[in-house]
């Protein structure tokens, strides 16, 4: 029977510890080689963590400003897409309608009335657009719709109509219904309040993206469509000439709405420009701070490679010694 002495056990324990230490060193140096960053940052900077902590804090702040700027940039871009779509439709329909000013063709007038009804429905649909689960024009309620369904709005508008209105009276009533402080606020716009607080994008740049679906530009455009959309209701009795006159008035209102949409787009464009500047500045600051942090905790590739090679050599040596000792016998010792 082969006995194991205290010396043998001590030597095995020592070799085992050295093997574990070398394996850990190889793992550390391999990670530093692949990432380029030292594993023990505190030891690398000799315990002075103040500068590193400050850089980490500033990097986190600039990353927040970058993310916020990108998010707002996406929202503003979505709003501009909706506004441009509404403007193009309003201009096209109004121009085409005014071009047929003297037409008494009832079939053509009926088709044009259908276009106004479709334009009304489309405008409400795109004003209820959500991006990343958030309503573009619903104010501080965020995820809710901005406007009631088209049929609901037209029904409420029709219920409020005084009896016996002529073309001028109907046109003026619809303008009033959609004006600020009137029934549209109660039955049409179902979004929240405008966001009153400014958003800080860093570097002294703040904006207040508070456009909602009850903006004047949208009210005027919807009123233009609604004046004719009401004519599709069987209870609104007007002859061909009256319908023709209402089309003209509605087309002029739509033209005004298109002009208001251009002004609104310009206002949002100012916020877009500020957001783009903030995003560029935050990106540049984030890159500069990241470089500074990297320089502070970057592992020297040449030095790390030497340490890795040394650790691997040491581990090979330990394995060799362990293997030789495991084969060591009395005959070998007496030679």
Protein backbone atom coordinates (compact mmCIF):
# COMPACT_ATOMS: atom_id res chain seq x y z
CA UNK A 1 0.00 0.00 0.00
CA UNK A 2 1.32 3.47 -0.99
CA UNK A 3 1.11 5.98 1.84
CA UNK A 4 0.66 9.75 1.42
CA UNK A 5 2.84 11.88 3.70
CA UNK A 6 2.20 15.34 5.06
CA UNK A 7 4.81 16.65 2.63
CA UNK A 8 3.00 15.09 -0.28
CA UNK A 9 -0.32 16.66 0.73
CA UNK A 10 1.26 20.07 1.28
CA UNK A 11 2.90 19.96 -2.13
CA UNK A 12 -0.37 18.93 -3.84
CA UNK A 13 -2.26 21.73 -2.09
CA UNK A 14 0.37 24.27 -3.10
CA UNK A 15 0.28 23.14 -6.74
CA UNK A 16 -3.52 23.20 -6.72
CA UNK A 17 -3.55 26.78 -5.44
CA UNK A 18 -0.99 27.87 -8.01
CA UNK A 19 -3.02 26.21 -10.77
CA UNK A 20 -6.19 28.03 -9.67
CA UNK A 21 -4.34 31.35 -9.46
CA UNK A 22 -2.80 30.95 -12.92
CA UNK A 23 -6.17 30.00 -14.42
CA UNK A 24 -7.72 33.11 -12.90
CA UNK A 25 -4.89 35.24 -14.25
CA UNK A 26 -5.29 33.76 -17.73
CA UNK A 27 -9.05 34.43 -17.59
CA UNK A 28 -8.46 38.02 -16.47
CA UNK A 29 -5.80 38.79 -19.08
CA UNK A 30 -7.84 37.10 -21.84
CA UNK A 31 -10.85 39.26 -20.96
CA UNK A 32 -8.71 42.40 -20.93
CA UNK A 33 -7.24 41.45 -24.31
CA UNK A 34 -10.68 40.98 -25.87
CA UNK A 35 -12.41 43.98 -24.26
CA UNK A 36 -9.47 46.34 -24.04
CA UNK A 37 -10.63 47.30 -20.53
CA UNK A 38 -8.89 46.40 -17.31
CA UNK A 39 -10.86 44.03 -15.10
CA UNK A 40 -9.95 45.58 -11.78
CA UNK A 41 -10.60 49.27 -12.48
CA UNK A 42 -10.06 50.43 -8.90
CA UNK A 43 -6.64 48.79 -8.71
CA UNK A 44 -5.71 50.15 -12.15
CA UNK A 45 -6.44 53.76 -11.14
CA UNK A 46 -4.76 53.20 -7.74
CA UNK A 47 -7.97 53.62 -5.77
CA UNK A 48 -8.72 57.14 -7.03
CA UNK A 49 -12.31 56.58 -8.20
CA UNK A 50 -13.43 60.24 -8.11
CA UNK A 51 -12.63 61.00 -11.74
CA UNK A 52 -14.01 57.67 -12.97
CA UNK A 53 -17.26 58.18 -11.04
CA UNK A 54 -17.60 61.70 -12.41
CA UNK A 55 -17.11 60.47 -15.98
CA UNK A 56 -19.61 57.66 -15.49
CA UNK A 57 -22.19 60.13 -14.16
CA UNK A 58 -21.69 62.54 -17.06
CA UNK A 59 -21.85 59.73 -19.61
CA UNK A 60 -25.15 58.54 -18.13
CA UNK A 61 -26.55 62.09 -18.30
CA UNK A 62 -25.52 62.61 -21.92
CA UNK A 63 -26.92 59.19 -22.85
CA UNK A 64 -30.23 60.24 -21.29
CA UNK A 65 -30.21 63.47 -23.30
CA UNK A 66 -29.41 61.50 -26.46
CA UNK A 67 -32.25 59.06 -25.90
CA UNK A 68 -34.67 61.87 -25.07
CA UNK A 69 -33.67 63.88 -28.14
CA UNK A 70 -34.04 60.86 -30.40
CA UNK A 71 -37.48 60.09 -28.93
CA UNK A 72 -38.73 63.65 -29.36
CA UNK A 73 -37.23 63.84 -32.83
CA UNK A 74 -39.25 60.76 -33.78
CA UNK A 75 -42.47 62.26 -32.36
CA UNK A 76 -41.94 65.59 -34.11
CA UNK A 77 -41.18 63.79 -37.36
CA UNK A 78 -44.40 61.81 -37.01
CA UNK A 79 -46.37 65.00 -36.40
CA UNK A 80 -44.86 66.61 -39.48
CA UNK A 81 -45.85 63.59 -41.58
CA UNK A 82 -49.46 63.87 -40.43
CA UNK A 83 -49.57 67.64 -41.00
CA UNK A 84 -48.08 67.33 -44.48
CA UNK A 85 -50.58 64.64 -45.43
CA UNK A 86 -53.49 66.81 -44.25
CA UNK A 87 -52.14 69.87 -46.04
CA UNK A 88 -51.70 68.06 -49.35
CA UNK A 89 -55.22 66.60 -49.19
CA UNK A 90 -56.80 69.91 -48.18
CA UNK A 91 -55.09 71.83 -50.98
CA UNK A 92 -55.92 69.20 -53.60
CA UNK A 93 -59.59 68.91 -52.69
CA UNK A 94 -60.10 72.66 -52.34
CA UNK A 95 -58.40 73.43 -55.66
CA UNK A 96 -60.36 70.71 -57.48
CA UNK A 97 -63.62 71.93 -55.92
CA UNK A 98 -63.08 75.57 -56.82
CA UNK A 99 -62.14 74.51 -60.35
CA UNK A 100 -65.69 73.18 -60.85
CA UNK A 101 -67.27 76.39 -59.57
CA UNK A 102 -69.96 76.73 -62.22
CA UNK A 103 -70.81 73.04 -62.45
CA UNK A 104 -74.42 72.06 -61.90
CA UNK A 105 -73.76 68.37 -62.48
CA UNK A 106 -75.49 66.69 -59.53
CA UNK A 107 -73.47 63.48 -59.96
CA UNK A 108 -70.18 65.37 -59.87
CA UNK A 109 -71.34 67.35 -56.85
CA UNK A 110 -72.30 64.11 -55.07
CA UNK A 111 -68.87 62.62 -55.80
CA UNK A 112 -67.19 65.74 -54.42
CA UNK A 113 -69.35 65.57 -51.28
CA UNK A 114 -68.13 61.99 -50.82
CA UNK A 115 -64.53 63.22 -51.14
CA UNK A 116 -65.10 65.75 -48.36
CA UNK A 117 -66.64 63.06 -46.14
CA UNK A 118 -63.66 60.77 -46.82
CA UNK A 119 -61.25 63.64 -46.15
CA UNK A 120 -62.95 64.31 -42.81
CA UNK A 121 -62.67 60.66 -41.78
CA UNK A 122 -59.05 60.37 -42.92
CA UNK A 123 -58.02 63.54 -41.09
CA UNK A 124 -59.46 62.27 -37.81
CA UNK A 125 -57.89 58.87 -38.35
CA UNK A 126 -54.36 60.22 -38.86
CA UNK A 127 -54.74 62.74 -36.02
CA UNK A 128 -55.33 59.69 -33.80
CA UNK A 129 -52.04 58.17 -34.98
CA UNK A 130 -49.96 56.50 -32.27
CA UNK A 131 -46.22 56.10 -32.37
CA UNK A 132 -44.57 53.63 -30.02
CA UNK A 133 -47.90 53.37 -28.20
CA UNK A 134 -48.23 57.13 -27.67
CA UNK A 135 -50.73 59.42 -29.36
CA UNK A 136 -48.98 62.07 -31.46
CA UNK A 137 -51.60 64.74 -30.75
CA UNK A 138 -53.33 63.60 -27.55
CA UNK A 139 -51.50 65.88 -25.11
CA UNK A 140 -50.71 64.76 -21.59
CA UNK A 141 -52.98 61.66 -21.68
CA UNK A 142 -50.35 59.99 -23.85
CA UNK A 143 -51.75 56.68 -24.94
CA UNK A 144 -55.36 57.75 -25.51
CA UNK A 145 -56.98 58.83 -28.78
CA UNK A 146 -56.98 62.55 -29.56
CA UNK A 147 -60.33 62.79 -31.36
CA UNK A 148 -63.70 61.07 -31.15
CA UNK A 149 -64.71 58.88 -34.13
CA UNK A 150 -65.90 60.79 -37.25
CA UNK A 151 -69.50 59.55 -36.97
CA UNK A 152 -69.70 60.68 -33.36
CA UNK A 153 -68.44 64.18 -34.19
CA UNK A 154 -70.82 64.57 -37.13
CA UNK A 155 -73.73 63.29 -35.06
CA UNK A 156 -73.04 65.79 -32.29
CA UNK A 157 -72.63 68.56 -34.85
CA UNK A 158 -75.90 67.64 -36.57
CA UNK A 159 -77.77 67.50 -33.24
CA UNK A 160 -76.61 71.01 -32.42
CA UNK A 161 -77.74 72.49 -35.76
CA UNK A 162 -80.48 75.10 -35.42
CA UNK A 163 -83.38 74.50 -37.81
CA UNK A 164 -83.84 76.34 -41.09
CA UNK A 165 -80.21 77.37 -41.72
CA UNK A 166 -79.30 78.57 -45.19
CA UNK A 167 -75.88 78.06 -46.79
CA UNK A 168 -74.28 81.03 -45.03
CA UNK A 169 -75.90 80.16 -41.70
CA UNK A 170 -74.76 76.53 -41.89
CA UNK A 171 -71.22 77.56 -42.84
CA UNK A 172 -70.98 80.08 -39.98
CA UNK A 173 -72.45 77.61 -37.47
CA UNK A 174 -69.91 74.91 -38.35
CA UNK A 175 -67.05 77.44 -38.04
CA UNK A 176 -68.36 78.41 -34.61
CA UNK A 177 -68.84 74.78 -33.48
CA UNK A 178 -65.18 74.00 -34.26
CA UNK A 179 -63.80 77.24 -32.78
CA UNK A 180 -61.91 77.26 -29.49
CA UNK A 181 -64.09 77.11 -26.40
CA UNK A 182 -67.14 75.68 -28.17
CA UNK A 183 -68.69 72.25 -28.73
CA UNK A 184 -65.69 70.70 -30.46
CA UNK A 185 -63.85 70.89 -27.13
CA UNK A 186 -66.58 68.83 -25.49
CA UNK A 187 -67.52 66.34 -28.19
CA UNK A 188 -64.65 66.29 -30.68
CA UNK A 189 -61.35 66.59 -28.86
CA UNK A 190 -61.03 63.85 -26.23
CA UNK A 191 -57.29 64.13 -25.61
CA UNK A 192 -55.58 65.75 -22.65
CA UNK A 193 -54.19 69.16 -21.85
CA UNK A 194 -51.17 70.57 -23.60
CA UNK A 195 -47.91 69.56 -21.98
CA UNK A 196 -46.90 72.72 -20.12
CA UNK A 197 -43.44 71.78 -18.85
CA UNK A 198 -40.36 72.16 -21.02
CA UNK A 199 -38.15 69.19 -21.82
CA UNK A 200 -34.47 69.67 -21.02
CA UNK A 201 -32.32 68.21 -23.81
CA UNK A 202 -29.01 69.29 -22.28
CA UNK A 203 -26.45 71.90 -23.27
CA UNK A 204 -28.90 74.69 -22.45
CA UNK A 205 -31.51 73.49 -24.97
CA UNK A 206 -35.12 73.05 -23.88
CA UNK A 207 -38.29 72.67 -25.96
CA UNK A 208 -42.00 72.32 -25.27
CA UNK A 209 -43.55 69.91 -27.83
CA UNK A 210 -47.19 70.61 -26.96
CA UNK A 211 -49.09 70.38 -30.26
CA UNK A 212 -52.46 68.65 -29.83
CA UNK A 213 -55.35 67.80 -32.14
CA UNK A 214 -57.31 70.85 -30.93
CA UNK A 215 -54.81 73.23 -32.53
CA UNK A 216 -56.42 75.93 -34.68
CA UNK A 217 -54.92 74.48 -37.87
CA UNK A 218 -56.73 71.18 -37.31
CA UNK A 219 -59.98 72.85 -36.23
CA UNK A 220 -60.19 74.96 -39.38
CA UNK A 221 -59.34 72.02 -41.64
CA UNK A 222 -61.91 69.75 -39.98
CA UNK A 223 -64.53 72.51 -40.19
CA UNK A 224 -63.92 72.79 -43.93
CA UNK A 225 -64.52 69.09 -44.41
CA UNK A 226 -67.49 68.99 -42.00
CA UNK A 227 -69.41 71.70 -43.87
CA UNK A 228 -69.76 69.36 -46.83
CA UNK A 229 -69.71 66.06 -44.92
CA UNK A 230 -72.98 67.19 -43.31
CA UNK A 231 -74.58 67.33 -46.75
CA UNK A 232 -74.28 63.53 -46.93
CA UNK A 233 -76.81 63.37 -44.11
CA UNK A 234 -80.34 62.90 -45.43
CA UNK A 235 -81.75 65.39 -42.93
CA UNK A 236 -79.81 68.27 -44.52
CA UNK A 237 -82.07 69.32 -47.38
CA UNK A 238 -80.43 71.55 -49.98
CA UNK A 239 -80.87 71.77 -53.71
CA UNK A 240 -78.07 71.42 -56.25
CA UNK A 241 -77.26 75.14 -56.31
CA UNK A 242 -77.12 75.37 -52.52
CA UNK A 243 -74.85 72.34 -52.37
CA UNK A 244 -72.67 73.96 -55.01
CA UNK A 245 -72.42 77.12 -52.90
CA UNK A 246 -71.60 75.11 -49.79
CA UNK A 247 -68.82 73.33 -51.65
CA UNK A 248 -67.29 76.69 -52.54
CA UNK A 249 -67.44 77.93 -48.94
CA UNK A 250 -65.99 74.66 -47.66
CA UNK A 251 -63.19 74.78 -50.23
CA UNK A 252 -62.25 78.30 -49.12
CA UNK A 253 -62.22 77.11 -45.47
CA UNK A 254 -59.99 74.20 -46.48
CA UNK A 255 -57.58 76.62 -48.15
CA UNK A 256 -57.41 78.57 -44.89
CA UNK A 257 -56.83 75.31 -43.05
CA UNK A 258 -53.95 74.44 -45.39
CA UNK A 259 -52.35 77.83 -44.68
CA UNK A 260 -52.74 77.24 -40.92
CA UNK A 261 -51.15 73.80 -41.33
CA UNK A 262 -48.14 75.39 -43.03
CA UNK A 263 -47.72 77.77 -40.07
CA UNK A 264 -48.05 74.88 -37.61
CA UNK A 265 -45.44 72.87 -39.53
CA UNK A 266 -43.06 75.81 -39.32
CA UNK A 267 -43.52 76.05 -35.55
CA UNK A 268 -42.83 72.35 -35.12
CA UNK A 269 -39.87 72.74 -37.47
CA UNK A 270 -38.29 75.15 -34.99
CA UNK A 271 -38.49 72.47 -32.29
CA UNK A 272 -37.09 69.93 -34.75
CA UNK A 273 -34.07 72.14 -35.39
CA UNK A 274 -33.44 72.62 -31.66
CA UNK A 275 -33.78 68.87 -31.09
CA UNK A 276 -31.32 68.08 -33.89
CA UNK A 277 -28.78 70.50 -32.41
CA UNK A 278 -29.25 68.98 -28.96
CA UNK A 279 -28.81 65.48 -30.37
CA UNK A 280 -25.57 66.39 -32.16
CA UNK A 281 -24.16 68.10 -29.07
CA UNK A 282 -25.15 65.24 -26.76
CA UNK A 283 -23.61 62.74 -29.19
CA UNK A 284 -20.35 64.67 -29.39
CA UNK A 285 -20.18 65.06 -25.61
CA UNK A 286 -20.97 61.39 -25.08
CA UNK A 287 -18.17 60.36 -27.47
CA UNK A 288 -15.65 62.67 -25.81
CA UNK A 289 -16.52 61.44 -22.34
CA UNK A 290 -16.42 57.81 -23.45
CA UNK A 291 -12.95 58.32 -24.89
CA UNK A 292 -11.78 59.92 -21.65
CA UNK A 293 -13.15 57.01 -19.64
CA UNK A 294 -11.61 54.52 -22.02
CA UNK A 295 -8.19 56.15 -21.67
CA UNK A 296 -8.53 55.96 -17.92
CA UNK A 297 -9.33 52.25 -17.74
CA UNK A 298 -7.90 50.89 -20.98
CA UNK A 299 -5.59 47.91 -20.67
CA UNK A 300 -2.20 48.20 -22.39
CA UNK A 301 -2.45 45.53 -25.12
CA UNK A 302 1.32 44.89 -25.24
CA UNK A 303 1.68 44.61 -21.48
CA UNK A 304 -1.46 42.47 -21.20
CA UNK A 305 -0.21 40.11 -23.93
CA UNK A 306 3.09 39.64 -22.08
CA UNK A 307 1.26 38.93 -18.81
CA UNK A 308 -1.05 36.47 -20.55
CA UNK A 309 1.87 34.63 -22.13
CA UNK A 310 3.70 34.52 -18.81
CA UNK A 311 0.63 33.11 -17.01
CA UNK A 312 0.15 30.44 -19.67
CA UNK A 313 3.83 29.48 -19.43
CA UNK A 314 3.56 29.24 -15.66
CA UNK A 315 0.46 27.07 -15.93
CA UNK A 316 2.23 24.75 -18.39
CA UNK A 317 5.13 24.49 -15.95
CA UNK A 318 2.82 23.64 -13.04
CA UNK A 319 1.13 20.94 -15.12
CA UNK A 320 4.53 19.51 -16.05
CA UNK A 321 5.70 19.44 -12.44
CA UNK A 322 2.42 17.86 -11.31
CA UNK A 323 2.70 15.18 -13.98
CA UNK A 324 6.34 14.36 -13.08
CA UNK A 325 5.58 14.18 -9.36
CA UNK A 326 2.66 11.84 -10.01
CA UNK A 327 5.07 9.43 -11.73
CA UNK A 328 7.87 9.82 -9.10
CA UNK A 329 8.96 6.52 -7.45
CA UNK A 330 11.61 5.30 -4.99
CA UNK A 331 13.73 3.97 -7.84
CA UNK A 332 13.68 7.41 -9.49
CA UNK A 333 14.64 9.01 -6.19
CA UNK A 334 17.63 6.63 -5.63
CA UNK A 335 19.14 7.26 -9.13
